Amino acid sequence: MSPSRSGTTSTDEFARKRERMVERQLRRRGIGDERVLRAMGEVPRELFLPEDVRRDAYRDGALPIGEGQTMSQPWIVACMTMLADPGGDGRVLEVGTGSGYGAAVLARCFAEVVTVERHEPLAERAAVRLAELGFSNVEVRRGDGCLGAPDRAPFDAVLVTAAAEGEPPAALREQVRPGGALVCPVRGADGEHLTRLRDGVEERVVPVRFVPLVSEAP
């Protein structure tokens, strides 16, 4: 699963940038789960980005991927994955596939990943890229992520990559197994926070800013 050349940045240069990203942006800033750090060090972030922004793949910030959506900064991807308590087995649901990068990281940490994207062009591109890179344990679906994937529930974890208003959708809460984690940005009167829900207990982790979670339901 080796990155190809992109513009003037070589495979080796991307690999060095990825290594620096893991050490400086993640490990030094509190990401301590070695499984997550290893996954972030293995997945070629640049290959999930449009060619015109690949040179910026490992900068500490979000990047545009089309359809008005963004790829979250590396720390956010790592933090959300860590909050899901990866254990090497189990099944995880991701709401908001985007580029497919987050699903690829999850696929290194869980046995099965189901990811749902409402923008068809993004879902199609992500499915192609994940298949090309050999992520056979990821299923990409086009649909309303607020409904989850009830036919594959319960999930050991659910990750939502868009901000819910007030609280995560009920359908997603219902699809998490007892003891499992629902990781979701939640927007309230006092701002937007990355939040983990487990067995009804809410834990606010860090202030964030995500695109709004949108449902296709009437």
N, C-alpha and C. Protein backbone atom coordinates (compact mmCIF):
# COMPACT_ATOMS: atom_id res chain seq x y z
N MET A 1 0.85 -1.18 0.00
CA MET A 1 0.00 0.00 0.00
C MET A 1 0.89 1.23 0.00
N SER A 2 1.66 1.45 -1.07
CA SER A 2 2.62 2.53 -1.13
C SER A 2 2.08 3.69 -1.93
N PRO A 3 2.21 4.93 -1.45
CA PRO A 3 1.77 6.08 -2.20
C PRO A 3 2.59 6.24 -3.47
N SER A 4 1.98 6.74 -4.53
CA SER A 4 2.68 7.06 -5.74
C SER A 4 3.12 8.51 -5.68
N ARG A 5 3.88 8.95 -6.67
CA ARG A 5 4.33 10.34 -6.71
C ARG A 5 3.13 11.26 -6.95
N SER A 6 3.13 12.41 -6.32
CA SER A 6 2.08 13.39 -6.51
C SER A 6 2.73 14.76 -6.64
N GLY A 7 2.69 15.35 -7.85
CA GLY A 7 3.33 16.62 -8.07
C GLY A 7 4.83 16.49 -7.86
N THR A 8 5.40 17.35 -7.02
CA THR A 8 6.83 17.32 -6.76
C THR A 8 7.16 16.60 -5.46
N THR A 9 6.16 16.04 -4.81
CA THR A 9 6.39 15.35 -3.54
C THR A 9 6.47 13.86 -3.78
N SER A 10 7.57 13.25 -3.38
CA SER A 10 7.79 11.84 -3.65
C SER A 10 7.21 10.96 -2.55
N THR A 11 7.18 9.68 -2.84
CA THR A 11 6.71 8.70 -1.86
C THR A 11 7.49 8.81 -0.56
N ASP A 12 8.81 8.92 -0.65
CA ASP A 12 9.64 9.00 0.54
C ASP A 12 9.38 10.28 1.32
N GLU A 13 9.16 11.39 0.61
CA GLU A 13 8.87 12.65 1.29
C GLU A 13 7.55 12.59 2.02
N PHE A 14 6.53 11.99 1.40
CA PHE A 14 5.26 11.83 2.09
C PHE A 14 5.42 10.95 3.32
N ALA A 15 6.21 9.89 3.21
CA ALA A 15 6.43 8.99 4.35
C ALA A 15 7.10 9.73 5.50
N ARG A 16 8.06 10.61 5.19
CA ARG A 16 8.72 11.38 6.24
C ARG A 16 7.74 12.37 6.89
N LYS A 17 6.92 13.00 6.06
CA LYS A 17 5.92 13.92 6.61
C LYS A 17 4.93 13.18 7.50
N ARG A 18 4.55 11.96 7.10
CA ARG A 18 3.61 11.17 7.88
C ARG A 18 4.23 10.80 9.23
N GLU A 19 5.49 10.44 9.23
CA GLU A 19 6.17 10.10 10.48
C GLU A 19 6.24 11.30 11.41
N ARG A 20 6.56 12.48 10.85
CA ARG A 20 6.61 13.69 11.67
C ARG A 20 5.23 14.04 12.22
N MET A 21 4.21 13.84 11.39
CA MET A 21 2.84 14.10 11.83
C MET A 21 2.49 13.25 13.04
N VAL A 22 2.82 11.98 12.99
CA VAL A 22 2.50 11.07 14.11
C VAL A 22 3.21 11.53 15.38
N GLU A 23 4.47 11.89 15.27
CA GLU A 23 5.23 12.26 16.46
C GLU A 23 4.85 13.64 16.99
N ARG A 24 4.74 14.63 16.11
CA ARG A 24 4.57 16.01 16.55
C ARG A 24 3.11 16.40 16.79
N GLN A 25 2.23 15.98 15.89
CA GLN A 25 0.83 16.38 16.00
C GLN A 25 0.01 15.45 16.88
N LEU A 26 0.44 14.19 16.97
CA LEU A 26 -0.38 13.21 17.68
C LEU A 26 0.23 12.79 19.01
N ARG A 27 1.36 12.13 18.98
CA ARG A 27 1.94 11.60 20.21
C ARG A 27 2.22 12.72 21.22
N ARG A 28 2.79 13.83 20.76
CA ARG A 28 3.13 14.92 21.67
C ARG A 28 1.90 15.64 22.20
N ARG A 29 0.76 15.43 21.56
CA ARG A 29 -0.45 16.13 21.98
C ARG A 29 -1.48 15.16 22.57
N GLY A 30 -1.00 14.07 23.13
CA GLY A 30 -1.85 13.24 23.97
C GLY A 30 -2.48 12.02 23.35
N ILE A 31 -2.21 11.75 22.09
CA ILE A 31 -2.72 10.51 21.49
C ILE A 31 -1.77 9.39 21.89
N GLY A 32 -2.21 8.55 22.82
CA GLY A 32 -1.33 7.55 23.38
C GLY A 32 -1.63 6.12 22.97
N ASP A 33 -2.70 5.90 22.22
CA ASP A 33 -3.06 4.55 21.81
C ASP A 33 -2.15 4.11 20.66
N GLU A 34 -1.32 3.13 20.92
CA GLU A 34 -0.33 2.71 19.92
C GLU A 34 -0.98 2.14 18.66
N ARG A 35 -2.13 1.50 18.81
CA ARG A 35 -2.82 0.97 17.64
C ARG A 35 -3.24 2.14 16.73
N VAL A 36 -3.74 3.20 17.32
CA VAL A 36 -4.16 4.37 16.53
C VAL A 36 -2.94 5.04 15.90
N LEU A 37 -1.88 5.21 16.66
CA LEU A 37 -0.67 5.82 16.12
C LEU A 37 -0.10 5.01 14.96
N ARG A 38 -0.14 3.71 15.10
CA ARG A 38 0.36 2.85 14.02
C ARG A 38 -0.50 2.99 12.77
N ALA A 39 -1.82 3.03 12.97
CA ALA A 39 -2.72 3.18 11.82
C ALA A 39 -2.49 4.52 11.12
N MET A 40 -2.35 5.58 11.91
CA MET A 40 -2.11 6.90 11.31
C MET A 40 -0.78 6.96 10.59
N GLY A 41 0.17 6.16 11.05
CA GLY A 41 1.47 6.11 10.39
C GLY A 41 1.49 5.24 9.15
N GLU A 42 0.49 4.39 9.00
CA GLU A 42 0.46 3.48 7.86
C GLU A 42 -0.41 3.98 6.70
N VAL A 43 -1.49 4.66 7.00
CA VAL A 43 -2.44 5.05 5.95
C VAL A 43 -1.95 6.29 5.22
N PRO A 44 -1.81 6.24 3.89
CA PRO A 44 -1.32 7.37 3.11
C PRO A 44 -2.39 8.44 2.94
N ARG A 45 -2.42 9.38 3.84
CA ARG A 45 -3.43 10.43 3.85
C ARG A 45 -3.51 11.17 2.50
N GLU A 46 -2.37 11.37 1.89
CA GLU A 46 -2.34 12.14 0.64
C GLU A 46 -3.16 11.51 -0.47
N LEU A 47 -3.27 10.19 -0.47
CA LEU A 47 -3.98 9.51 -1.55
C LEU A 47 -5.49 9.64 -1.45
N PHE A 48 -5.98 10.17 -0.34
CA PHE A 48 -7.42 10.38 -0.17
C PHE A 48 -7.81 11.83 -0.45
N LEU A 49 -6.86 12.62 -0.93
CA LEU A 49 -7.10 14.04 -1.19
C LEU A 49 -7.07 14.34 -2.68
N PRO A 50 -7.77 15.40 -3.11
CA PRO A 50 -7.62 15.86 -4.50
C PRO A 50 -6.16 16.22 -4.75
N GLU A 51 -5.71 16.00 -5.98
CA GLU A 51 -4.29 16.19 -6.29
C GLU A 51 -3.79 17.59 -5.99
N ASP A 52 -4.65 18.59 -6.13
CA ASP A 52 -4.17 19.97 -5.94
C ASP A 52 -3.92 20.34 -4.48
N VAL A 53 -4.33 19.50 -3.54
CA VAL A 53 -4.05 19.79 -2.13
C VAL A 53 -3.21 18.70 -1.46
N ARG A 54 -2.76 17.72 -2.23
CA ARG A 54 -2.00 16.63 -1.62
C ARG A 54 -0.72 17.09 -0.96
N ARG A 55 -0.11 18.13 -1.49
CA ARG A 55 1.14 18.63 -0.90
C ARG A 55 0.93 19.07 0.55
N ASP A 56 -0.32 19.40 0.92
CA ASP A 56 -0.62 19.85 2.28
C ASP A 56 -1.20 18.74 3.16
N ALA A 57 -1.09 17.50 2.71
CA ALA A 57 -1.78 16.39 3.38
C ALA A 57 -1.47 16.29 4.86
N TYR A 58 -0.26 16.62 5.27
CA TYR A 58 0.14 16.39 6.66
C TYR A 58 0.26 17.67 7.47
N ARG A 59 -0.31 18.75 6.97
CA ARG A 59 -0.33 19.95 7.79
C ARG A 59 -1.40 19.80 8.87
N ASP A 60 -1.28 20.61 9.89
CA ASP A 60 -2.14 20.50 11.06
C ASP A 60 -3.43 21.30 10.84
N GLY A 61 -4.29 20.78 9.98
CA GLY A 61 -5.54 21.47 9.68
C GLY A 61 -6.42 20.65 8.76
N ALA A 62 -7.66 21.10 8.60
CA ALA A 62 -8.60 20.43 7.70
C ALA A 62 -8.29 20.82 6.26
N LEU A 63 -8.73 19.98 5.30
CA LEU A 63 -8.47 20.21 3.89
C LEU A 63 -9.73 19.95 3.08
N PRO A 64 -9.95 20.71 2.00
CA PRO A 64 -11.16 20.53 1.19
C PRO A 64 -11.09 19.25 0.36
N ILE A 65 -12.24 18.59 0.23
CA ILE A 65 -12.30 17.36 -0.57
C ILE A 65 -13.42 17.40 -1.60
N GLY A 66 -14.10 18.55 -1.72
CA GLY A 66 -15.19 18.67 -2.67
C GLY A 66 -16.55 18.53 -2.00
N GLU A 67 -17.60 18.93 -2.74
CA GLU A 67 -18.99 18.86 -2.24
C GLU A 67 -19.19 19.67 -0.97
N GLY A 68 -18.34 20.68 -0.75
CA GLY A 68 -18.46 21.50 0.46
C GLY A 68 -17.99 20.80 1.72
N GLN A 69 -17.30 19.69 1.59
CA GLN A 69 -16.86 18.90 2.74
C GLN A 69 -15.35 19.01 2.92
N THR A 70 -14.87 18.59 4.08
CA THR A 70 -13.45 18.65 4.38
C THR A 70 -12.96 17.34 4.99
N MET A 71 -11.66 17.12 4.89
CA MET A 71 -10.99 16.07 5.64
C MET A 71 -10.49 16.69 6.94
N SER A 72 -10.86 16.09 8.06
CA SER A 72 -10.48 16.64 9.36
C SER A 72 -8.97 16.62 9.54
N GLN A 73 -8.48 17.50 10.41
CA GLN A 73 -7.05 17.52 10.71
C GLN A 73 -6.65 16.18 11.32
N PRO A 74 -5.39 15.79 11.17
CA PRO A 74 -4.96 14.47 11.67
C PRO A 74 -5.29 14.23 13.14
N TRP A 75 -5.11 15.25 14.00
CA TRP A 75 -5.36 15.04 15.43
C TRP A 75 -6.80 14.65 15.70
N ILE A 76 -7.74 15.28 15.00
CA ILE A 76 -9.16 14.97 15.20
C ILE A 76 -9.45 13.53 14.79
N VAL A 77 -8.91 13.11 13.64
CA VAL A 77 -9.12 11.73 13.18
C VAL A 77 -8.58 10.75 14.22
N ALA A 78 -7.38 11.02 14.72
CA ALA A 78 -6.77 10.13 15.70
C ALA A 78 -7.54 10.14 17.02
N CYS A 79 -7.96 11.33 17.46
CA CYS A 79 -8.69 11.44 18.72
C CYS A 79 -10.00 10.69 18.67
N MET A 80 -10.76 10.86 17.59
CA MET A 80 -12.05 10.18 17.47
C MET A 80 -11.87 8.67 17.43
N THR A 81 -10.83 8.22 16.73
CA THR A 81 -10.55 6.78 16.66
C THR A 81 -10.18 6.25 18.04
N MET A 82 -9.37 6.99 18.76
CA MET A 82 -8.96 6.57 20.11
C MET A 82 -10.17 6.51 21.05
N LEU A 83 -11.07 7.49 20.94
CA LEU A 83 -12.25 7.52 21.81
C LEU A 83 -13.19 6.34 21.54
N ALA A 84 -13.07 5.74 20.36
CA ALA A 84 -13.89 4.57 20.03
C ALA A 84 -13.38 3.30 20.68
N ASP A 85 -12.24 3.39 21.38
CA ASP A 85 -11.64 2.24 22.07
C ASP A 85 -11.37 1.06 21.13
N PRO A 86 -10.52 1.27 20.13
CA PRO A 86 -10.23 0.18 19.19
C PRO A 86 -9.59 -1.00 19.88
N GLY A 87 -10.04 -2.19 19.50
CA GLY A 87 -9.49 -3.39 20.12
C GLY A 87 -9.03 -4.43 19.14
N GLY A 88 -9.09 -4.11 17.86
CA GLY A 88 -8.62 -5.06 16.86
C GLY A 88 -9.72 -5.92 16.28
N ASP A 89 -10.80 -6.11 17.03
CA ASP A 89 -11.94 -6.85 16.50
C ASP A 89 -13.16 -5.95 16.60
N GLY A 90 -14.32 -6.49 16.37
CA GLY A 90 -15.53 -5.69 16.48
C GLY A 90 -15.86 -4.94 15.21
N ARG A 91 -17.02 -4.30 15.23
CA ARG A 91 -17.57 -3.61 14.07
C ARG A 91 -17.84 -2.16 14.44
N VAL A 92 -17.49 -1.24 13.54
CA VAL A 92 -17.68 0.18 13.79
C VAL A 92 -18.46 0.80 12.64
N LEU A 93 -19.31 1.77 12.99
CA LEU A 93 -20.07 2.54 12.00
C LEU A 93 -19.50 3.95 11.96
N GLU A 94 -19.22 4.42 10.75
CA GLU A 94 -18.80 5.81 10.55
C GLU A 94 -19.89 6.53 9.78
N VAL A 95 -20.32 7.67 10.29
CA VAL A 95 -21.31 8.49 9.60
C VAL A 95 -20.58 9.69 9.01
N GLY A 96 -20.53 9.75 7.68
CA GLY A 96 -19.79 10.79 6.99
C GLY A 96 -18.47 10.26 6.47
N THR A 97 -18.53 9.53 5.37
CA THR A 97 -17.32 8.90 4.80
C THR A 97 -16.33 9.94 4.32
N GLY A 98 -16.84 11.00 3.70
CA GLY A 98 -15.95 12.00 3.14
C GLY A 98 -15.01 11.41 2.12
N SER A 99 -13.72 11.59 2.34
CA SER A 99 -12.71 11.09 1.40
C SER A 99 -12.47 9.59 1.54
N GLY A 100 -12.86 9.01 2.67
CA GLY A 100 -12.55 7.62 2.96
C GLY A 100 -11.35 7.44 3.87
N TYR A 101 -10.64 8.54 4.17
CA TYR A 101 -9.43 8.44 5.00
C TYR A 101 -9.74 7.95 6.41
N GLY A 102 -10.77 8.51 7.04
CA GLY A 102 -11.12 8.08 8.39
C GLY A 102 -11.50 6.61 8.43
N ALA A 103 -12.22 6.16 7.40
CA ALA A 103 -12.59 4.74 7.33
C ALA A 103 -11.36 3.86 7.20
N ALA A 104 -10.37 4.34 6.46
CA ALA A 104 -9.13 3.56 6.30
C ALA A 104 -8.40 3.43 7.64
N VAL A 105 -8.36 4.51 8.41
CA VAL A 105 -7.73 4.45 9.73
C VAL A 105 -8.51 3.50 10.64
N LEU A 106 -9.83 3.60 10.62
CA LEU A 106 -10.66 2.70 11.42
C LEU A 106 -10.45 1.25 11.02
N ALA A 107 -10.26 1.03 9.72
CA ALA A 107 -10.10 -0.34 9.21
C ALA A 107 -8.82 -0.99 9.73
N ARG A 108 -7.85 -0.17 10.15
CA ARG A 108 -6.64 -0.69 10.76
C ARG A 108 -6.83 -1.01 12.24
N CYS A 109 -7.95 -0.56 12.80
CA CYS A 109 -8.18 -0.69 14.24
C CYS A 109 -9.37 -1.57 14.60
N PHE A 110 -10.23 -1.86 13.64
CA PHE A 110 -11.42 -2.70 13.84
C PHE A 110 -11.48 -3.76 12.75
N ALA A 111 -12.20 -4.83 13.04
CA ALA A 111 -12.32 -5.91 12.07
C ALA A 111 -13.22 -5.54 10.90
N GLU A 112 -14.28 -4.76 11.19
CA GLU A 112 -15.24 -4.38 10.15
C GLU A 112 -15.60 -2.91 10.28
N VAL A 113 -15.72 -2.24 9.15
CA VAL A 113 -16.13 -0.84 9.12
C VAL A 113 -17.28 -0.68 8.13
N VAL A 114 -18.37 -0.09 8.58
CA VAL A 114 -19.46 0.33 7.70
C VAL A 114 -19.47 1.85 7.72
N THR A 115 -19.38 2.47 6.56
CA THR A 115 -19.33 3.93 6.50
C THR A 115 -20.38 4.44 5.53
N VAL A 116 -21.09 5.49 5.94
CA VAL A 116 -22.23 6.00 5.19
C VAL A 116 -21.96 7.46 4.80
N GLU A 117 -22.17 7.77 3.51
CA GLU A 117 -21.94 9.11 2.99
C GLU A 117 -23.16 9.55 2.18
N ARG A 118 -23.66 10.77 2.43
CA ARG A 118 -24.84 11.23 1.71
C ARG A 118 -24.53 11.83 0.34
N HIS A 119 -23.28 12.26 0.11
CA HIS A 119 -22.89 12.81 -1.18
C HIS A 119 -22.39 11.68 -2.09
N GLU A 120 -23.15 11.39 -3.12
CA GLU A 120 -22.81 10.25 -3.98
C GLU A 120 -21.42 10.34 -4.59
N PRO A 121 -20.98 11.50 -5.11
CA PRO A 121 -19.62 11.56 -5.68
C PRO A 121 -18.54 11.21 -4.67
N LEU A 122 -18.70 11.68 -3.43
CA LEU A 122 -17.71 11.35 -2.41
C LEU A 122 -17.74 9.87 -2.08
N ALA A 123 -18.94 9.30 -1.94
CA ALA A 123 -19.05 7.87 -1.63
C ALA A 123 -18.40 7.02 -2.72
N GLU A 124 -18.63 7.39 -3.97
CA GLU A 124 -18.07 6.63 -5.08
C GLU A 124 -16.55 6.71 -5.10
N ARG A 125 -16.02 7.93 -4.92
CA ARG A 125 -14.56 8.09 -4.93
C ARG A 125 -13.91 7.35 -3.76
N ALA A 126 -14.55 7.45 -2.59
CA ALA A 126 -13.99 6.77 -1.42
C ALA A 126 -13.99 5.26 -1.60
N ALA A 127 -15.06 4.73 -2.15
CA ALA A 127 -15.14 3.28 -2.36
C ALA A 127 -14.05 2.80 -3.30
N VAL A 128 -13.82 3.56 -4.36
CA VAL A 128 -12.78 3.19 -5.33
C VAL A 128 -11.41 3.23 -4.68
N ARG A 129 -11.12 4.32 -3.96
CA ARG A 129 -9.80 4.47 -3.35
C ARG A 129 -9.56 3.39 -2.30
N LEU A 130 -10.54 3.12 -1.46
CA LEU A 130 -10.37 2.10 -0.43
C LEU A 130 -10.13 0.73 -1.06
N ALA A 131 -10.85 0.44 -2.13
CA ALA A 131 -10.66 -0.84 -2.81
C ALA A 131 -9.27 -0.93 -3.44
N GLU A 132 -8.85 0.16 -4.06
CA GLU A 132 -7.52 0.19 -4.68
C GLU A 132 -6.41 -0.06 -3.67
N LEU A 133 -6.60 0.42 -2.46
CA LEU A 133 -5.59 0.29 -1.43
C LEU A 133 -5.75 -0.98 -0.59
N GLY A 134 -6.71 -1.81 -0.95
CA GLY A 134 -6.84 -3.12 -0.32
C GLY A 134 -7.59 -3.17 0.99
N PHE A 135 -8.43 -2.16 1.25
CA PHE A 135 -9.21 -2.17 2.50
C PHE A 135 -10.49 -2.97 2.29
N SER A 136 -10.36 -4.27 2.31
CA SER A 136 -11.48 -5.16 2.01
C SER A 136 -12.46 -5.27 3.17
N ASN A 137 -12.11 -4.75 4.34
CA ASN A 137 -13.01 -4.83 5.50
C ASN A 137 -13.83 -3.56 5.68
N VAL A 138 -13.92 -2.72 4.63
CA VAL A 138 -14.72 -1.49 4.68
C VAL A 138 -15.87 -1.60 3.68
N GLU A 139 -17.07 -1.35 4.15
CA GLU A 139 -18.25 -1.28 3.28
C GLU A 139 -18.71 0.17 3.20
N VAL A 140 -18.71 0.75 1.99
CA VAL A 140 -19.13 2.14 1.79
C VAL A 140 -20.57 2.14 1.30
N ARG A 141 -21.42 2.93 1.97
CA ARG A 141 -22.82 3.04 1.58
C ARG A 141 -23.15 4.50 1.27
N ARG A 142 -24.01 4.71 0.28
CA ARG A 142 -24.54 6.05 0.00
C ARG A 142 -25.91 6.13 0.62
N GLY A 143 -26.12 7.09 1.51
CA GLY A 143 -27.41 7.20 2.15
C GLY A 143 -27.42 8.24 3.25
N ASP A 144 -28.47 8.22 4.03
CA ASP A 144 -28.67 9.14 5.14
C ASP A 144 -27.98 8.57 6.37
N GLY A 145 -26.85 9.16 6.73
CA GLY A 145 -26.09 8.63 7.85
C GLY A 145 -26.82 8.73 9.18
N CYS A 146 -27.78 9.66 9.29
CA CYS A 146 -28.53 9.80 10.53
C CYS A 146 -29.35 8.55 10.85
N LEU A 147 -29.60 7.74 9.83
CA LEU A 147 -30.34 6.49 10.04
C LEU A 147 -29.43 5.34 10.41
N GLY A 148 -28.11 5.55 10.25
CA GLY A 148 -27.16 4.50 10.57
C GLY A 148 -27.21 3.35 9.59
N ALA A 149 -26.98 2.15 10.10
CA ALA A 149 -27.03 0.92 9.30
C ALA A 149 -27.64 -0.17 10.17
N PRO A 150 -28.96 -0.10 10.37
CA PRO A 150 -29.61 -1.00 11.34
C PRO A 150 -29.45 -2.48 11.00
N ASP A 151 -29.26 -2.79 9.72
CA ASP A 151 -29.10 -4.19 9.34
C ASP A 151 -27.76 -4.77 9.78
N ARG A 152 -26.82 -3.88 10.18
CA ARG A 152 -25.52 -4.36 10.65
C ARG A 152 -25.31 -4.12 12.15
N ALA A 153 -26.29 -3.51 12.80
CA ALA A 153 -26.19 -3.23 14.23
C ALA A 153 -26.35 -4.53 15.04
N PRO A 154 -25.86 -4.55 16.28
CA PRO A 154 -25.25 -3.43 17.00
C PRO A 154 -23.78 -3.25 16.65
N PHE A 155 -23.29 -2.03 16.86
CA PHE A 155 -21.90 -1.69 16.59
C PHE A 155 -21.14 -1.52 17.90
N ASP A 156 -19.87 -1.86 17.86
CA ASP A 156 -19.01 -1.65 19.03
C ASP A 156 -18.70 -0.18 19.22
N ALA A 157 -18.78 0.59 18.13
CA ALA A 157 -18.60 2.04 18.21
C ALA A 157 -19.27 2.68 17.01
N VAL A 158 -19.72 3.91 17.20
CA VAL A 158 -20.26 4.73 16.12
C VAL A 158 -19.52 6.07 16.17
N LEU A 159 -18.97 6.48 15.02
CA LEU A 159 -18.29 7.77 14.92
C LEU A 159 -19.03 8.64 13.92
N VAL A 160 -19.29 9.88 14.30
CA VAL A 160 -20.03 10.82 13.45
C VAL A 160 -19.09 11.98 13.13
N THR A 161 -18.89 12.25 11.84
CA THR A 161 -17.92 13.27 11.44
C THR A 161 -18.60 14.57 11.02
N ALA A 162 -19.76 14.85 11.60
CA ALA A 162 -20.47 16.12 11.41
C ALA A 162 -21.18 16.44 12.72
N ALA A 163 -21.48 17.72 12.92
CA ALA A 163 -21.99 18.16 14.22
C ALA A 163 -23.50 18.01 14.33
N ALA A 164 -23.93 17.26 15.35
CA ALA A 164 -25.36 17.12 15.64
C ALA A 164 -25.83 18.30 16.47
N GLU A 165 -27.06 18.70 16.25
CA GLU A 165 -27.64 19.81 17.00
C GLU A 165 -28.30 19.27 18.27
N GLY A 166 -27.75 19.61 19.42
CA GLY A 166 -28.34 19.21 20.69
C GLY A 166 -27.92 17.85 21.19
N GLU A 167 -28.10 16.83 20.35
CA GLU A 167 -27.71 15.47 20.71
C GLU A 167 -27.62 14.63 19.45
N PRO A 168 -26.88 13.51 19.48
CA PRO A 168 -26.81 12.64 18.31
C PRO A 168 -28.17 12.05 17.98
N PRO A 169 -28.43 11.72 16.71
CA PRO A 169 -29.72 11.12 16.34
C PRO A 169 -30.02 9.86 17.13
N ALA A 170 -31.30 9.68 17.46
CA ALA A 170 -31.72 8.52 18.26
C ALA A 170 -31.36 7.21 17.59
N ALA A 171 -31.48 7.15 16.25
CA ALA A 171 -31.19 5.91 15.54
C ALA A 171 -29.74 5.47 15.76
N LEU A 172 -28.83 6.43 15.83
CA LEU A 172 -27.43 6.09 16.05
C LEU A 172 -27.20 5.64 17.49
N ARG A 173 -27.84 6.28 18.43
CA ARG A 173 -27.69 5.88 19.83
C ARG A 173 -28.19 4.44 20.03
N GLU A 174 -29.25 4.10 19.33
CA GLU A 174 -29.84 2.78 19.48
C GLU A 174 -29.00 1.67 18.84
N GLN A 175 -28.09 2.05 17.94
CA GLN A 175 -27.32 1.04 17.21
C GLN A 175 -25.97 0.74 17.86
N VAL A 176 -25.69 1.36 19.01
CA VAL A 176 -24.45 1.09 19.74
C VAL A 176 -24.73 -0.01 20.77
N ARG A 177 -23.90 -1.02 20.79
CA ARG A 177 -24.08 -2.10 21.76
C ARG A 177 -23.85 -1.58 23.18
N PRO A 178 -24.39 -2.24 24.22
CA PRO A 178 -24.10 -1.85 25.60
C PRO A 178 -22.59 -1.84 25.84
N GLY A 179 -22.11 -0.77 26.41
CA GLY A 179 -20.68 -0.63 26.65
C GLY A 179 -19.92 0.01 25.51
N GLY A 180 -20.57 0.15 24.35
CA GLY A 180 -19.92 0.74 23.20
C GLY A 180 -19.94 2.26 23.26
N ALA A 181 -19.16 2.88 22.38
CA ALA A 181 -19.00 4.33 22.40
C ALA A 181 -19.63 4.96 21.16
N LEU A 182 -20.33 6.06 21.38
CA LEU A 182 -20.81 6.91 20.29
C LEU A 182 -20.03 8.21 20.37
N VAL A 183 -19.20 8.46 19.36
CA VAL A 183 -18.33 9.63 19.33
C VAL A 183 -18.89 10.60 18.30
N CYS A 184 -19.23 11.81 18.74
CA CYS A 184 -19.94 12.73 17.86
C CYS A 184 -19.72 14.18 18.30
N PRO A 185 -19.45 15.08 17.36
CA PRO A 185 -19.49 16.50 17.72
C PRO A 185 -20.93 16.91 17.99
N VAL A 186 -21.15 17.64 19.06
CA VAL A 186 -22.50 18.07 19.43
C VAL A 186 -22.49 19.59 19.63
N ARG A 187 -23.46 20.25 18.98
CA ARG A 187 -23.57 21.70 19.09
C ARG A 187 -24.68 22.04 20.06
N GLY A 188 -24.33 22.84 21.08
CA GLY A 188 -25.32 23.28 22.07
C GLY A 188 -25.26 24.77 22.27
N ALA A 189 -25.94 25.25 23.29
CA ALA A 189 -26.00 26.68 23.56
C ALA A 189 -24.63 27.26 23.90
N ASP A 190 -23.74 26.44 24.46
CA ASP A 190 -22.42 26.92 24.86
C ASP A 190 -21.33 26.52 23.87
N GLY A 191 -21.70 26.20 22.63
CA GLY A 191 -20.71 25.90 21.62
C GLY A 191 -20.75 24.45 21.16
N GLU A 192 -19.73 24.08 20.43
CA GLU A 192 -19.66 22.75 19.82
C GLU A 192 -18.51 21.97 20.46
N HIS A 193 -18.80 20.74 20.89
CA HIS A 193 -17.79 19.92 21.57
C HIS A 193 -17.79 18.51 21.01
N LEU A 194 -16.60 17.94 20.87
CA LEU A 194 -16.50 16.52 20.57
C LEU A 194 -16.92 15.77 21.82
N THR A 195 -17.88 14.86 21.67
CA THR A 195 -18.52 14.22 22.81
C THR A 195 -18.50 12.71 22.64
N ARG A 196 -18.29 12.00 23.74
CA ARG A 196 -18.42 10.55 23.73
C ARG A 196 -19.55 10.15 24.67
N LEU A 197 -20.47 9.34 24.15
CA LEU A 197 -21.57 8.78 24.94
C LEU A 197 -21.33 7.29 25.11
N ARG A 198 -21.43 6.85 26.36
CA ARG A 198 -21.29 5.42 26.63
C ARG A 198 -22.23 5.06 27.75
N ASP A 199 -23.19 4.15 27.45
CA ASP A 199 -24.17 3.71 28.43
C ASP A 199 -24.88 4.89 29.10
N GLY A 200 -25.22 5.90 28.29
CA GLY A 200 -25.96 7.04 28.78
C GLY A 200 -25.14 8.12 29.45
N VAL A 201 -23.84 7.89 29.62
CA VAL A 201 -22.96 8.87 30.25
C VAL A 201 -22.28 9.70 29.16
N GLU A 202 -22.40 11.04 29.29
CA GLU A 202 -21.83 11.94 28.30
C GLU A 202 -20.50 12.50 28.77
N GLU A 203 -19.50 12.44 27.91
CA GLU A 203 -18.18 12.98 28.23
C GLU A 203 -17.79 14.00 27.15
N ARG A 204 -17.65 15.25 27.53
CA ARG A 204 -17.17 16.28 26.60
C ARG A 204 -15.64 16.21 26.56
N VAL A 205 -15.11 16.20 25.36
CA VAL A 205 -13.67 15.97 25.21
C VAL A 205 -12.92 17.26 24.87
N VAL A 206 -13.36 17.96 23.82
CA VAL A 206 -12.63 19.13 23.36
C VAL A 206 -13.55 19.98 22.48
N PRO A 207 -13.40 21.31 22.51
CA PRO A 207 -14.17 22.14 21.57
C PRO A 207 -13.73 21.86 20.13
N VAL A 208 -14.68 21.84 19.21
CA VAL A 208 -14.38 21.54 17.81
C VAL A 208 -15.27 22.38 16.91
N ARG A 209 -15.01 22.28 15.61
CA ARG A 209 -15.87 22.89 14.62
C ARG A 209 -15.99 21.93 13.43
N PHE A 210 -17.20 21.42 13.20
CA PHE A 210 -17.47 20.49 12.10
C PHE A 210 -18.59 21.07 11.23
N VAL A 211 -18.71 20.52 10.02
CA VAL A 211 -19.87 20.85 9.20
C VAL A 211 -21.11 20.26 9.89
N PRO A 212 -22.30 20.83 9.66
CA PRO A 212 -23.52 20.32 10.32
C PRO A 212 -23.89 18.92 9.84
N LEU A 213 -24.43 18.14 10.75
CA LEU A 213 -24.98 16.83 10.41
C LEU A 213 -26.34 17.05 9.75
N VAL A 214 -26.49 16.52 8.54
CA VAL A 214 -27.70 16.75 7.75
C VAL A 214 -28.41 15.42 7.50
N SER A 215 -29.72 15.42 7.73
CA SER A 215 -30.53 14.23 7.46
C SER A 215 -31.36 14.45 6.19
N GLU A 216 -31.57 13.39 5.42
CA GLU A 216 -32.39 13.46 4.23
C GLU A 216 -33.85 13.19 4.53
N ALA A 217 -34.13 12.82 5.79
CA ALA A 217 -35.50 12.53 6.17
C ALA A 217 -36.34 13.80 6.16
N PRO A 218 -37.63 13.73 5.76
CA PRO A 218 -38.49 14.92 5.74
C PRO A 218 -38.77 15.44 7.15
